[in-house]
Amino acid sequence: NRSRNRAIFSERQVVQGKREEQKARLIEELTEGEIRRGKVTGISSFGAFVDLGGADGLIHISELSWNQVSSPEEVVQVGNEVDVFILRVDAENKKIALSLRRLQPEPWDSINEQYNVGDVVPATVTKLTNFGAFARVEGVEGSVEGLIHISELSSKMVSHPREVVREGDTVKLKILRIEPERRRLGLSLVQAQEEGDF
């Protein structure tokens, strides 16, 4: 301000400028597929932000776990130090996509070691459709989802799965088919009941 012979400085602009510089440098250094350590700095409904040492990356909620996650707080908290997998680096828009689940074994890879056709397992009904119900089977390596076809829900004629089960129900199911390459699991409620395992 020349008229008053004053100089005005902004510390915030300097800090912000340094952070932008740091971020640009880090984005150039990062390689997709590498693993970095970072600190969780923020959580939103769609994921968690992780500071990688000068730049924040986002772990989308779908990349937090192989299991279904309804809120990021189920997996991480602000202040947690975590190892993250670098999924994508968008240098143009200065965005970094991260993943936690890519550092954990994929449940479908070990499904044949965990289950056999004919096993009766506990499961949670997750979704109803006109042709059947989807159910989540919890395993050692995480959960997988399978389908109980409408014909496998009851020995009686059923016009909609809601006549037999509701979302959130815990049921015992018999494994009819395991197809890891197609990510498919065929399940039966009626056959588990017939065997007296209910």
N, C-alpha and C. Protein backbone atom coordinates (compact mmCIF):
# COMPACT_ATOMS: atom_id res chain seq x y z
N ASN A 1 0.86 -1.17 0.00
CA ASN A 1 0.00 0.00 0.00
C ASN A 1 0.90 1.23 0.00
N ARG A 2 1.20 1.77 -1.20
CA ARG A 2 2.17 2.86 -1.34
C ARG A 2 1.71 4.16 -0.67
N SER A 3 0.42 4.45 -0.75
CA SER A 3 -0.05 5.72 -0.16
C SER A 3 0.17 5.77 1.34
N ARG A 4 0.15 4.60 1.99
CA ARG A 4 0.35 4.58 3.46
C ARG A 4 1.73 4.07 3.83
N ASN A 5 2.55 3.83 2.82
CA ASN A 5 3.89 3.28 3.06
C ASN A 5 3.84 1.97 3.86
N ARG A 6 2.94 1.09 3.47
CA ARG A 6 2.79 -0.19 4.18
C ARG A 6 2.93 -1.35 3.20
N ALA A 7 3.52 -2.42 3.70
CA ALA A 7 3.61 -3.67 2.92
C ALA A 7 2.70 -4.70 3.59
N ILE A 8 1.91 -5.35 2.79
CA ILE A 8 0.98 -6.34 3.34
C ILE A 8 1.43 -7.73 2.88
N PHE A 9 1.62 -8.62 3.87
CA PHE A 9 2.07 -9.98 3.58
C PHE A 9 0.96 -10.98 3.92
N SER A 10 0.94 -12.06 3.19
CA SER A 10 -0.03 -13.11 3.50
C SER A 10 0.69 -14.43 3.73
N GLU A 11 0.67 -14.84 4.99
CA GLU A 11 1.30 -16.11 5.34
C GLU A 11 0.52 -17.27 4.73
N ARG A 12 -0.81 -17.10 4.71
CA ARG A 12 -1.66 -18.16 4.18
C ARG A 12 -1.35 -18.45 2.70
N GLN A 13 -1.13 -17.38 1.94
CA GLN A 13 -0.82 -17.55 0.51
C GLN A 13 0.52 -18.25 0.31
N VAL A 14 1.48 -17.95 1.18
CA VAL A 14 2.79 -18.60 1.10
C VAL A 14 2.65 -20.09 1.40
N VAL A 15 1.93 -20.40 2.48
CA VAL A 15 1.71 -21.80 2.88
C VAL A 15 0.97 -22.54 1.77
N GLN A 16 -0.06 -21.90 1.23
CA GLN A 16 -0.86 -22.50 0.17
C GLN A 16 -0.01 -22.74 -1.08
N GLY A 17 0.81 -21.76 -1.41
CA GLY A 17 1.71 -21.88 -2.57
C GLY A 17 2.68 -23.03 -2.40
N LYS A 18 3.24 -23.15 -1.18
CA LYS A 18 4.18 -24.24 -0.90
C LYS A 18 3.49 -25.59 -1.02
N ARG A 19 2.26 -25.64 -0.50
CA ARG A 19 1.49 -26.91 -0.55
C ARG A 19 1.19 -27.29 -2.00
N GLU A 20 0.83 -26.31 -2.82
CA GLU A 20 0.56 -26.58 -4.24
C GLU A 20 1.81 -27.12 -4.94
N GLU A 21 2.97 -26.52 -4.59
CA GLU A 21 4.26 -26.94 -5.15
C GLU A 21 4.55 -28.39 -4.75
N GLN A 22 4.33 -28.65 -3.45
CA GLN A 22 4.56 -29.99 -2.88
C GLN A 22 3.66 -31.01 -3.57
N LYS A 23 2.40 -30.62 -3.76
CA LYS A 23 1.41 -31.51 -4.37
C LYS A 23 1.82 -31.84 -5.80
N ALA A 24 2.23 -30.82 -6.56
CA ALA A 24 2.64 -31.03 -7.96
C ALA A 24 3.84 -31.98 -8.03
N ARG A 25 4.79 -31.79 -7.10
CA ARG A 25 5.99 -32.64 -7.07
C ARG A 25 5.62 -34.09 -6.75
N LEU A 26 4.74 -34.24 -5.74
CA LEU A 26 4.31 -35.58 -5.31
C LEU A 26 3.56 -36.29 -6.43
N ILE A 27 2.68 -35.57 -7.12
CA ILE A 27 1.91 -36.16 -8.22
C ILE A 27 2.84 -36.67 -9.33
N GLU A 28 3.94 -35.93 -9.57
CA GLU A 28 4.92 -36.37 -10.56
C GLU A 28 5.65 -37.64 -10.11
N GLU A 29 5.89 -37.74 -8.79
CA GLU A 29 6.63 -38.88 -8.22
C GLU A 29 5.81 -40.16 -8.17
N LEU A 30 4.50 -40.01 -7.93
CA LEU A 30 3.65 -41.20 -7.71
C LEU A 30 3.51 -42.06 -8.95
N THR A 31 3.48 -43.37 -8.71
CA THR A 31 3.30 -44.34 -9.79
C THR A 31 2.07 -45.18 -9.48
N GLU A 32 1.22 -45.36 -10.47
CA GLU A 32 0.05 -46.21 -10.29
C GLU A 32 0.51 -47.63 -9.99
N GLY A 33 -0.09 -48.24 -8.97
CA GLY A 33 0.27 -49.60 -8.60
C GLY A 33 1.23 -49.67 -7.42
N GLU A 34 1.81 -48.53 -7.03
CA GLU A 34 2.74 -48.57 -5.89
C GLU A 34 1.97 -48.43 -4.57
N ILE A 35 2.66 -48.75 -3.48
CA ILE A 35 2.05 -48.67 -2.15
C ILE A 35 2.75 -47.54 -1.39
N ARG A 36 1.95 -46.67 -0.79
CA ARG A 36 2.48 -45.54 -0.01
C ARG A 36 1.82 -45.52 1.36
N ARG A 37 2.52 -44.91 2.32
CA ARG A 37 1.95 -44.73 3.66
C ARG A 37 1.40 -43.32 3.74
N GLY A 38 0.25 -43.18 4.38
CA GLY A 38 -0.36 -41.87 4.52
C GLY A 38 -1.16 -41.77 5.79
N LYS A 39 -1.73 -40.59 6.00
CA LYS A 39 -2.52 -40.35 7.22
C LYS A 39 -3.91 -39.88 6.81
N VAL A 40 -4.93 -40.49 7.43
CA VAL A 40 -6.32 -40.13 7.14
C VAL A 40 -6.58 -38.73 7.70
N THR A 41 -6.95 -37.80 6.80
CA THR A 41 -7.16 -36.40 7.22
C THR A 41 -8.63 -36.00 7.25
N GLY A 42 -9.45 -36.76 6.54
CA GLY A 42 -10.88 -36.40 6.50
C GLY A 42 -11.72 -37.56 6.03
N ILE A 43 -12.99 -37.53 6.44
CA ILE A 43 -13.93 -38.58 6.05
C ILE A 43 -15.21 -37.93 5.56
N SER A 44 -15.73 -38.45 4.44
CA SER A 44 -17.02 -37.95 3.93
C SER A 44 -17.89 -39.16 3.67
N SER A 45 -19.10 -38.93 3.23
CA SER A 45 -20.03 -40.05 3.00
C SER A 45 -19.54 -40.95 1.86
N PHE A 46 -18.73 -40.38 0.93
CA PHE A 46 -18.30 -41.15 -0.24
C PHE A 46 -16.88 -41.71 -0.13
N GLY A 47 -16.20 -41.47 1.00
CA GLY A 47 -14.85 -42.02 1.13
C GLY A 47 -14.00 -41.34 2.18
N ALA A 48 -12.69 -41.61 2.10
CA ALA A 48 -11.75 -41.05 3.08
C ALA A 48 -10.59 -40.38 2.36
N PHE A 49 -10.15 -39.23 2.90
CA PHE A 49 -9.01 -38.51 2.33
C PHE A 49 -7.75 -38.87 3.10
N VAL A 50 -6.67 -39.12 2.36
CA VAL A 50 -5.41 -39.52 2.97
C VAL A 50 -4.30 -38.61 2.49
N ASP A 51 -3.56 -38.00 3.44
CA ASP A 51 -2.42 -37.15 3.11
C ASP A 51 -1.22 -38.04 2.88
N LEU A 52 -0.64 -37.92 1.69
CA LEU A 52 0.51 -38.76 1.32
C LEU A 52 1.83 -38.01 1.49
N GLY A 53 1.77 -36.88 2.21
CA GLY A 53 2.98 -36.10 2.43
C GLY A 53 3.02 -34.91 1.50
N GLY A 54 1.96 -34.13 1.51
CA GLY A 54 1.92 -32.93 0.67
C GLY A 54 0.74 -32.91 -0.27
N ALA A 55 0.07 -34.01 -0.43
CA ALA A 55 -1.11 -34.07 -1.29
C ALA A 55 -2.09 -35.10 -0.74
N ASP A 56 -3.37 -34.75 -0.83
CA ASP A 56 -4.41 -35.67 -0.37
C ASP A 56 -4.90 -36.52 -1.53
N GLY A 57 -5.09 -37.79 -1.25
CA GLY A 57 -5.71 -38.70 -2.21
C GLY A 57 -7.03 -39.16 -1.62
N LEU A 58 -7.90 -39.69 -2.46
CA LEU A 58 -9.21 -40.16 -2.00
C LEU A 58 -9.31 -41.67 -2.13
N ILE A 59 -9.72 -42.31 -1.03
CA ILE A 59 -10.11 -43.73 -1.09
C ILE A 59 -11.62 -43.71 -1.19
N HIS A 60 -12.14 -44.04 -2.38
CA HIS A 60 -13.59 -44.07 -2.55
C HIS A 60 -14.15 -45.18 -1.65
N ILE A 61 -15.36 -45.01 -1.17
CA ILE A 61 -15.98 -45.98 -0.26
C ILE A 61 -15.94 -47.41 -0.82
N SER A 62 -16.06 -47.54 -2.14
CA SER A 62 -16.03 -48.88 -2.77
C SER A 62 -14.64 -49.50 -2.74
N GLU A 63 -13.61 -48.69 -2.45
CA GLU A 63 -12.23 -49.19 -2.42
C GLU A 63 -11.70 -49.36 -1.00
N LEU A 64 -12.57 -49.20 0.00
CA LEU A 64 -12.13 -49.35 1.39
C LEU A 64 -11.99 -50.81 1.81
N SER A 65 -12.86 -51.67 1.28
CA SER A 65 -12.87 -53.07 1.69
C SER A 65 -13.55 -53.91 0.62
N TRP A 66 -13.22 -55.21 0.58
CA TRP A 66 -13.93 -56.13 -0.32
C TRP A 66 -15.35 -56.36 0.22
N ASN A 67 -15.55 -56.16 1.53
CA ASN A 67 -16.86 -56.30 2.13
C ASN A 67 -17.66 -55.04 1.86
N GLN A 68 -18.97 -55.14 2.01
CA GLN A 68 -19.83 -53.98 1.82
C GLN A 68 -19.61 -53.00 2.97
N VAL A 69 -19.42 -51.72 2.65
CA VAL A 69 -19.18 -50.69 3.66
C VAL A 69 -20.28 -49.65 3.53
N SER A 70 -21.00 -49.40 4.63
CA SER A 70 -22.05 -48.37 4.54
C SER A 70 -21.54 -47.01 4.97
N SER A 71 -20.47 -46.98 5.79
CA SER A 71 -19.88 -45.71 6.20
C SER A 71 -18.37 -45.89 6.32
N PRO A 72 -17.57 -44.95 5.79
CA PRO A 72 -16.10 -45.09 5.86
C PRO A 72 -15.57 -45.27 7.29
N GLU A 73 -16.30 -44.74 8.30
CA GLU A 73 -15.86 -44.86 9.70
C GLU A 73 -15.81 -46.32 10.17
N GLU A 74 -16.47 -47.22 9.44
CA GLU A 74 -16.41 -48.64 9.79
C GLU A 74 -15.00 -49.19 9.56
N VAL A 75 -14.24 -48.52 8.67
CA VAL A 75 -12.92 -49.01 8.28
C VAL A 75 -11.78 -48.13 8.78
N VAL A 76 -11.93 -46.80 8.67
CA VAL A 76 -10.85 -45.87 9.06
C VAL A 76 -11.36 -44.72 9.92
N GLN A 77 -10.45 -44.13 10.67
CA GLN A 77 -10.75 -42.95 11.49
C GLN A 77 -9.75 -41.86 11.14
N VAL A 78 -10.14 -40.60 11.32
CA VAL A 78 -9.22 -39.48 11.11
C VAL A 78 -8.03 -39.66 12.04
N GLY A 79 -6.81 -39.51 11.49
CA GLY A 79 -5.60 -39.67 12.29
C GLY A 79 -4.93 -41.02 12.09
N ASN A 80 -5.68 -42.01 11.55
CA ASN A 80 -5.09 -43.34 11.28
C ASN A 80 -3.97 -43.24 10.27
N GLU A 81 -2.88 -43.98 10.52
CA GLU A 81 -1.82 -44.12 9.52
C GLU A 81 -2.15 -45.39 8.74
N VAL A 82 -2.18 -45.30 7.42
CA VAL A 82 -2.55 -46.46 6.60
C VAL A 82 -1.63 -46.61 5.39
N ASP A 83 -1.47 -47.87 4.98
CA ASP A 83 -0.80 -48.14 3.71
C ASP A 83 -1.88 -48.14 2.65
N VAL A 84 -1.62 -47.44 1.54
CA VAL A 84 -2.62 -47.36 0.47
C VAL A 84 -1.99 -47.74 -0.87
N PHE A 85 -2.84 -48.26 -1.74
CA PHE A 85 -2.46 -48.65 -3.08
C PHE A 85 -2.81 -47.49 -4.00
N ILE A 86 -1.87 -47.03 -4.82
CA ILE A 86 -2.15 -45.92 -5.75
C ILE A 86 -2.87 -46.49 -6.97
N LEU A 87 -4.16 -46.15 -7.08
CA LEU A 87 -4.99 -46.66 -8.18
C LEU A 87 -4.80 -45.85 -9.46
N ARG A 88 -4.96 -44.52 -9.33
CA ARG A 88 -4.84 -43.62 -10.48
C ARG A 88 -4.26 -42.30 -10.06
N VAL A 89 -3.46 -41.72 -10.95
CA VAL A 89 -2.93 -40.38 -10.72
C VAL A 89 -3.34 -39.54 -11.92
N ASP A 90 -4.16 -38.51 -11.65
CA ASP A 90 -4.61 -37.60 -12.70
C ASP A 90 -3.84 -36.30 -12.51
N ALA A 91 -2.71 -36.17 -13.21
CA ALA A 91 -1.83 -35.01 -13.05
C ALA A 91 -2.53 -33.73 -13.51
N GLU A 92 -3.33 -33.82 -14.56
CA GLU A 92 -4.00 -32.64 -15.11
C GLU A 92 -4.95 -32.01 -14.09
N ASN A 93 -5.77 -32.84 -13.44
CA ASN A 93 -6.72 -32.34 -12.45
C ASN A 93 -6.21 -32.43 -11.02
N LYS A 94 -4.96 -32.86 -10.88
CA LYS A 94 -4.32 -32.99 -9.56
C LYS A 94 -5.16 -33.85 -8.60
N LYS A 95 -5.56 -35.02 -9.10
CA LYS A 95 -6.36 -35.93 -8.27
C LYS A 95 -5.66 -37.28 -8.16
N ILE A 96 -5.74 -37.85 -6.95
CA ILE A 96 -5.11 -39.14 -6.69
C ILE A 96 -6.17 -40.09 -6.15
N ALA A 97 -6.36 -41.21 -6.84
CA ALA A 97 -7.33 -42.23 -6.39
C ALA A 97 -6.56 -43.34 -5.69
N LEU A 98 -7.03 -43.68 -4.49
CA LEU A 98 -6.35 -44.67 -3.66
C LEU A 98 -7.25 -45.86 -3.36
N SER A 99 -6.63 -46.95 -2.90
CA SER A 99 -7.40 -48.13 -2.52
C SER A 99 -6.78 -48.79 -1.30
N LEU A 100 -7.65 -49.24 -0.40
CA LEU A 100 -7.22 -50.06 0.75
C LEU A 100 -7.45 -51.53 0.43
N ARG A 101 -8.55 -51.80 -0.27
CA ARG A 101 -8.94 -53.20 -0.50
C ARG A 101 -7.97 -53.94 -1.40
N ARG A 102 -7.27 -53.22 -2.29
CA ARG A 102 -6.33 -53.88 -3.20
C ARG A 102 -5.13 -54.46 -2.46
N LEU A 103 -4.98 -54.08 -1.19
CA LEU A 103 -3.88 -54.61 -0.37
C LEU A 103 -4.33 -55.82 0.44
N GLN A 104 -5.59 -56.19 0.29
CA GLN A 104 -6.14 -57.35 1.02
C GLN A 104 -6.49 -58.45 0.02
N PRO A 105 -6.46 -59.71 0.46
CA PRO A 105 -6.82 -60.79 -0.48
C PRO A 105 -8.27 -60.67 -0.95
N GLU A 106 -8.49 -60.94 -2.23
CA GLU A 106 -9.84 -60.91 -2.81
C GLU A 106 -10.57 -62.17 -2.35
N PRO A 107 -11.73 -62.03 -1.69
CA PRO A 107 -12.44 -63.21 -1.17
C PRO A 107 -12.72 -64.29 -2.22
N TRP A 108 -12.99 -63.88 -3.47
CA TRP A 108 -13.30 -64.87 -4.51
C TRP A 108 -12.09 -65.74 -4.86
N ASP A 109 -10.86 -65.21 -4.62
CA ASP A 109 -9.65 -65.98 -4.96
C ASP A 109 -9.49 -67.23 -4.10
N SER A 110 -10.04 -67.18 -2.88
CA SER A 110 -9.86 -68.33 -1.98
C SER A 110 -11.18 -69.03 -1.65
N ILE A 111 -12.22 -68.74 -2.44
CA ILE A 111 -13.55 -69.30 -2.14
C ILE A 111 -13.55 -70.83 -2.12
N ASN A 112 -12.81 -71.46 -3.05
CA ASN A 112 -12.80 -72.92 -3.11
C ASN A 112 -12.07 -73.55 -1.92
N GLU A 113 -11.20 -72.77 -1.27
CA GLU A 113 -10.51 -73.27 -0.07
C GLU A 113 -11.41 -73.12 1.15
N GLN A 114 -12.34 -72.18 1.09
CA GLN A 114 -13.20 -71.92 2.25
C GLN A 114 -14.48 -72.74 2.24
N TYR A 115 -15.03 -73.01 1.04
CA TYR A 115 -16.33 -73.68 0.95
C TYR A 115 -16.32 -74.79 -0.08
N ASN A 116 -17.26 -75.71 0.09
CA ASN A 116 -17.49 -76.78 -0.88
C ASN A 116 -18.97 -76.80 -1.23
N VAL A 117 -19.27 -77.29 -2.44
CA VAL A 117 -20.67 -77.49 -2.82
C VAL A 117 -21.27 -78.48 -1.83
N GLY A 118 -22.44 -78.16 -1.30
CA GLY A 118 -23.08 -79.03 -0.31
C GLY A 118 -22.97 -78.50 1.10
N ASP A 119 -22.03 -77.56 1.34
CA ASP A 119 -21.90 -76.96 2.68
C ASP A 119 -23.16 -76.17 3.02
N VAL A 120 -23.53 -76.16 4.30
CA VAL A 120 -24.63 -75.32 4.78
C VAL A 120 -23.98 -74.20 5.60
N VAL A 121 -24.26 -72.97 5.19
CA VAL A 121 -23.56 -71.82 5.79
C VAL A 121 -24.55 -70.74 6.24
N PRO A 122 -24.18 -69.97 7.29
CA PRO A 122 -25.02 -68.83 7.67
C PRO A 122 -24.80 -67.69 6.68
N ALA A 123 -25.86 -66.94 6.42
CA ALA A 123 -25.77 -65.82 5.48
C ALA A 123 -26.79 -64.75 5.85
N THR A 124 -26.57 -63.55 5.30
CA THR A 124 -27.48 -62.43 5.54
C THR A 124 -28.11 -62.02 4.22
N VAL A 125 -29.43 -61.94 4.18
CA VAL A 125 -30.13 -61.52 2.97
C VAL A 125 -29.86 -60.03 2.75
N THR A 126 -29.36 -59.69 1.54
CA THR A 126 -28.97 -58.30 1.27
C THR A 126 -29.91 -57.57 0.32
N LYS A 127 -30.56 -58.34 -0.59
CA LYS A 127 -31.39 -57.67 -1.60
C LYS A 127 -32.41 -58.65 -2.16
N LEU A 128 -33.60 -58.14 -2.43
CA LEU A 128 -34.65 -58.96 -3.04
C LEU A 128 -34.91 -58.49 -4.47
N THR A 129 -35.09 -59.45 -5.38
CA THR A 129 -35.45 -59.12 -6.76
C THR A 129 -36.63 -60.02 -7.13
N ASN A 130 -37.18 -59.83 -8.31
CA ASN A 130 -38.32 -60.67 -8.74
C ASN A 130 -37.93 -62.13 -8.90
N PHE A 131 -36.64 -62.37 -9.25
CA PHE A 131 -36.21 -63.74 -9.54
C PHE A 131 -35.52 -64.45 -8.38
N GLY A 132 -35.39 -63.76 -7.24
CA GLY A 132 -34.73 -64.40 -6.09
C GLY A 132 -34.23 -63.40 -5.07
N ALA A 133 -33.35 -63.89 -4.20
CA ALA A 133 -32.78 -63.03 -3.15
C ALA A 133 -31.27 -63.19 -3.15
N PHE A 134 -30.57 -62.07 -2.93
CA PHE A 134 -29.11 -62.12 -2.79
C PHE A 134 -28.78 -62.21 -1.31
N ALA A 135 -27.75 -62.99 -1.00
CA ALA A 135 -27.35 -63.16 0.40
C ALA A 135 -25.84 -63.10 0.50
N ARG A 136 -25.38 -62.49 1.60
CA ARG A 136 -23.94 -62.35 1.85
C ARG A 136 -23.47 -63.45 2.78
N VAL A 137 -22.45 -64.17 2.33
CA VAL A 137 -21.84 -65.24 3.11
C VAL A 137 -20.51 -64.71 3.63
N GLU A 138 -20.35 -64.68 4.96
CA GLU A 138 -19.10 -64.17 5.56
C GLU A 138 -18.08 -65.28 5.63
N GLY A 139 -16.90 -65.03 5.09
CA GLY A 139 -15.83 -66.02 5.14
C GLY A 139 -14.63 -65.49 5.89
N VAL A 140 -13.60 -66.29 5.97
CA VAL A 140 -12.36 -65.92 6.67
C VAL A 140 -11.70 -64.75 5.96
N GLU A 141 -11.73 -64.78 4.62
CA GLU A 141 -11.06 -63.75 3.81
C GLU A 141 -11.98 -62.59 3.44
N GLY A 142 -13.16 -62.51 4.04
CA GLY A 142 -14.11 -61.47 3.68
C GLY A 142 -15.41 -62.11 3.21
N SER A 143 -16.33 -61.29 2.72
CA SER A 143 -17.64 -61.84 2.35
C SER A 143 -17.82 -61.89 0.84
N VAL A 144 -18.67 -62.82 0.42
CA VAL A 144 -19.06 -62.92 -0.99
C VAL A 144 -20.59 -62.97 -1.04
N GLU A 145 -21.14 -62.52 -2.16
CA GLU A 145 -22.59 -62.52 -2.29
C GLU A 145 -23.02 -63.59 -3.28
N GLY A 146 -24.11 -64.26 -2.95
CA GLY A 146 -24.64 -65.30 -3.83
C GLY A 146 -26.12 -65.10 -4.03
N LEU A 147 -26.67 -65.89 -4.95
CA LEU A 147 -28.09 -65.77 -5.28
C LEU A 147 -28.86 -67.02 -4.84
N ILE A 148 -29.98 -66.76 -4.16
CA ILE A 148 -30.94 -67.82 -3.86
C ILE A 148 -32.04 -67.63 -4.91
N HIS A 149 -32.06 -68.50 -5.93
CA HIS A 149 -33.09 -68.38 -6.97
C HIS A 149 -34.46 -68.56 -6.32
N ILE A 150 -35.46 -67.91 -6.86
CA ILE A 150 -36.82 -67.98 -6.29
C ILE A 150 -37.29 -69.42 -6.12
N SER A 151 -36.86 -70.32 -7.01
CA SER A 151 -37.26 -71.74 -6.92
C SER A 151 -36.57 -72.46 -5.75
N GLU A 152 -35.51 -71.81 -5.17
CA GLU A 152 -34.77 -72.41 -4.06
C GLU A 152 -35.12 -71.79 -2.71
N LEU A 153 -36.18 -70.96 -2.69
CA LEU A 153 -36.57 -70.30 -1.44
C LEU A 153 -37.54 -71.14 -0.61
N SER A 154 -38.43 -71.86 -1.30
CA SER A 154 -39.45 -72.61 -0.59
C SER A 154 -39.92 -73.79 -1.44
N SER A 155 -40.46 -74.80 -0.76
CA SER A 155 -41.00 -75.94 -1.50
C SER A 155 -42.38 -75.59 -2.08
N LYS A 156 -42.98 -74.52 -1.55
CA LYS A 156 -44.28 -74.05 -2.07
C LYS A 156 -44.02 -73.07 -3.22
N MET A 157 -45.04 -72.80 -3.98
CA MET A 157 -44.96 -71.83 -5.08
C MET A 157 -44.85 -70.42 -4.48
N VAL A 158 -43.86 -69.66 -4.94
CA VAL A 158 -43.64 -68.30 -4.42
C VAL A 158 -43.69 -67.33 -5.59
N SER A 159 -44.48 -66.25 -5.44
CA SER A 159 -44.53 -65.28 -6.53
C SER A 159 -43.51 -64.16 -6.36
N HIS A 160 -43.09 -63.91 -5.10
CA HIS A 160 -42.03 -62.91 -4.85
C HIS A 160 -41.26 -63.34 -3.59
N PRO A 161 -39.92 -63.18 -3.60
CA PRO A 161 -39.11 -63.58 -2.45
C PRO A 161 -39.55 -63.00 -1.10
N ARG A 162 -40.20 -61.82 -1.12
CA ARG A 162 -40.60 -61.18 0.15
C ARG A 162 -41.60 -62.05 0.93
N GLU A 163 -42.21 -63.04 0.26
CA GLU A 163 -43.13 -63.95 0.95
C GLU A 163 -42.37 -64.89 1.90
N VAL A 164 -41.07 -65.02 1.67
CA VAL A 164 -40.26 -65.97 2.45
C VAL A 164 -39.18 -65.26 3.29
N VAL A 165 -38.49 -64.29 2.71
CA VAL A 165 -37.39 -63.61 3.42
C VAL A 165 -37.47 -62.10 3.28
N ARG A 166 -36.76 -61.41 4.19
CA ARG A 166 -36.66 -59.95 4.14
C ARG A 166 -35.19 -59.55 4.16
N GLU A 167 -34.88 -58.36 3.64
CA GLU A 167 -33.51 -57.85 3.69
C GLU A 167 -33.08 -57.76 5.15
N GLY A 168 -31.88 -58.25 5.45
CA GLY A 168 -31.37 -58.22 6.82
C GLY A 168 -31.57 -59.53 7.57
N ASP A 169 -32.42 -60.42 7.04
CA ASP A 169 -32.63 -61.73 7.68
C ASP A 169 -31.34 -62.55 7.69
N THR A 170 -31.09 -63.25 8.78
CA THR A 170 -29.98 -64.19 8.84
C THR A 170 -30.56 -65.58 8.63
N VAL A 171 -30.03 -66.30 7.65
CA VAL A 171 -30.57 -67.61 7.29
C VAL A 171 -29.43 -68.61 7.09
N LYS A 172 -29.79 -69.89 7.10
CA LYS A 172 -28.81 -70.93 6.77
C LYS A 172 -29.10 -71.39 5.35
N LEU A 173 -28.05 -71.46 4.54
CA LEU A 173 -28.21 -71.79 3.13
C LEU A 173 -27.27 -72.90 2.71
N LYS A 174 -27.73 -73.69 1.75
CA LYS A 174 -26.88 -74.74 1.19
C LYS A 174 -26.22 -74.20 -0.08
N ILE A 175 -24.91 -74.46 -0.23
CA ILE A 175 -24.19 -74.02 -1.42
C ILE A 175 -24.42 -75.03 -2.54
N LEU A 176 -25.00 -74.54 -3.66
CA LEU A 176 -25.31 -75.40 -4.81
C LEU A 176 -24.22 -75.33 -5.88
N ARG A 177 -23.68 -74.13 -6.09
CA ARG A 177 -22.67 -73.90 -7.13
C ARG A 177 -21.67 -72.87 -6.67
N ILE A 178 -20.40 -73.09 -7.03
CA ILE A 178 -19.35 -72.10 -6.77
C ILE A 178 -18.66 -71.84 -8.11
N GLU A 179 -18.77 -70.58 -8.58
CA GLU A 179 -18.14 -70.20 -9.86
C GLU A 179 -17.30 -68.94 -9.65
N PRO A 180 -16.05 -69.12 -9.12
CA PRO A 180 -15.23 -67.94 -8.82
C PRO A 180 -14.89 -67.08 -10.02
N GLU A 181 -14.69 -67.70 -11.18
CA GLU A 181 -14.32 -66.93 -12.37
C GLU A 181 -15.46 -66.00 -12.82
N ARG A 182 -16.71 -66.39 -12.52
CA ARG A 182 -17.87 -65.55 -12.86
C ARG A 182 -18.40 -64.79 -11.65
N ARG A 183 -17.70 -64.92 -10.50
CA ARG A 183 -18.11 -64.29 -9.24
C ARG A 183 -19.55 -64.67 -8.90
N ARG A 184 -19.84 -65.98 -9.02
CA ARG A 184 -21.21 -66.44 -8.76
C ARG A 184 -21.23 -67.56 -7.73
N LEU A 185 -22.25 -67.48 -6.90
CA LEU A 185 -22.47 -68.48 -5.86
C LEU A 185 -23.95 -68.81 -5.89
N GLY A 186 -24.29 -70.09 -6.11
CA GLY A 186 -25.69 -70.50 -6.13
C GLY A 186 -26.05 -71.06 -4.76
N LEU A 187 -27.14 -70.55 -4.17
CA LEU A 187 -27.52 -70.92 -2.80
C LEU A 187 -28.96 -71.43 -2.75
N SER A 188 -29.25 -72.23 -1.70
CA SER A 188 -30.62 -72.74 -1.54
C SER A 188 -31.04 -72.68 -0.08
N LEU A 189 -32.20 -72.10 0.15
CA LEU A 189 -32.79 -72.06 1.48
C LEU A 189 -33.58 -73.35 1.72
N VAL A 190 -34.34 -73.77 0.73
CA VAL A 190 -35.21 -74.93 0.88
C VAL A 190 -34.40 -76.21 1.12
N GLN A 191 -33.27 -76.37 0.43
CA GLN A 191 -32.46 -77.58 0.61
C GLN A 191 -31.76 -77.61 1.97
N ALA A 192 -31.43 -76.43 2.49
CA ALA A 192 -30.82 -76.37 3.83
C ALA A 192 -31.87 -76.78 4.87
N GLN A 193 -33.12 -76.36 4.67
CA GLN A 193 -34.22 -76.71 5.58
C GLN A 193 -34.53 -78.20 5.50
N GLU A 194 -34.53 -78.75 4.29
CA GLU A 194 -34.83 -80.16 4.10
C GLU A 194 -33.83 -81.07 4.82
N GLU A 195 -32.57 -80.58 4.89
CA GLU A 195 -31.53 -81.38 5.54
C GLU A 195 -31.59 -81.23 7.06
N GLY A 196 -32.52 -80.41 7.53
CA GLY A 196 -32.69 -80.23 8.98
C GLY A 196 -31.60 -79.40 9.60
N ASP A 197 -30.95 -78.57 8.76
CA ASP A 197 -29.86 -77.73 9.27
C ASP A 197 -30.37 -76.34 9.66
N PHE A 198 -31.66 -76.16 9.62
CA PHE A 198 -32.18 -74.81 9.92
C PHE A 198 -32.42 -74.70 11.42
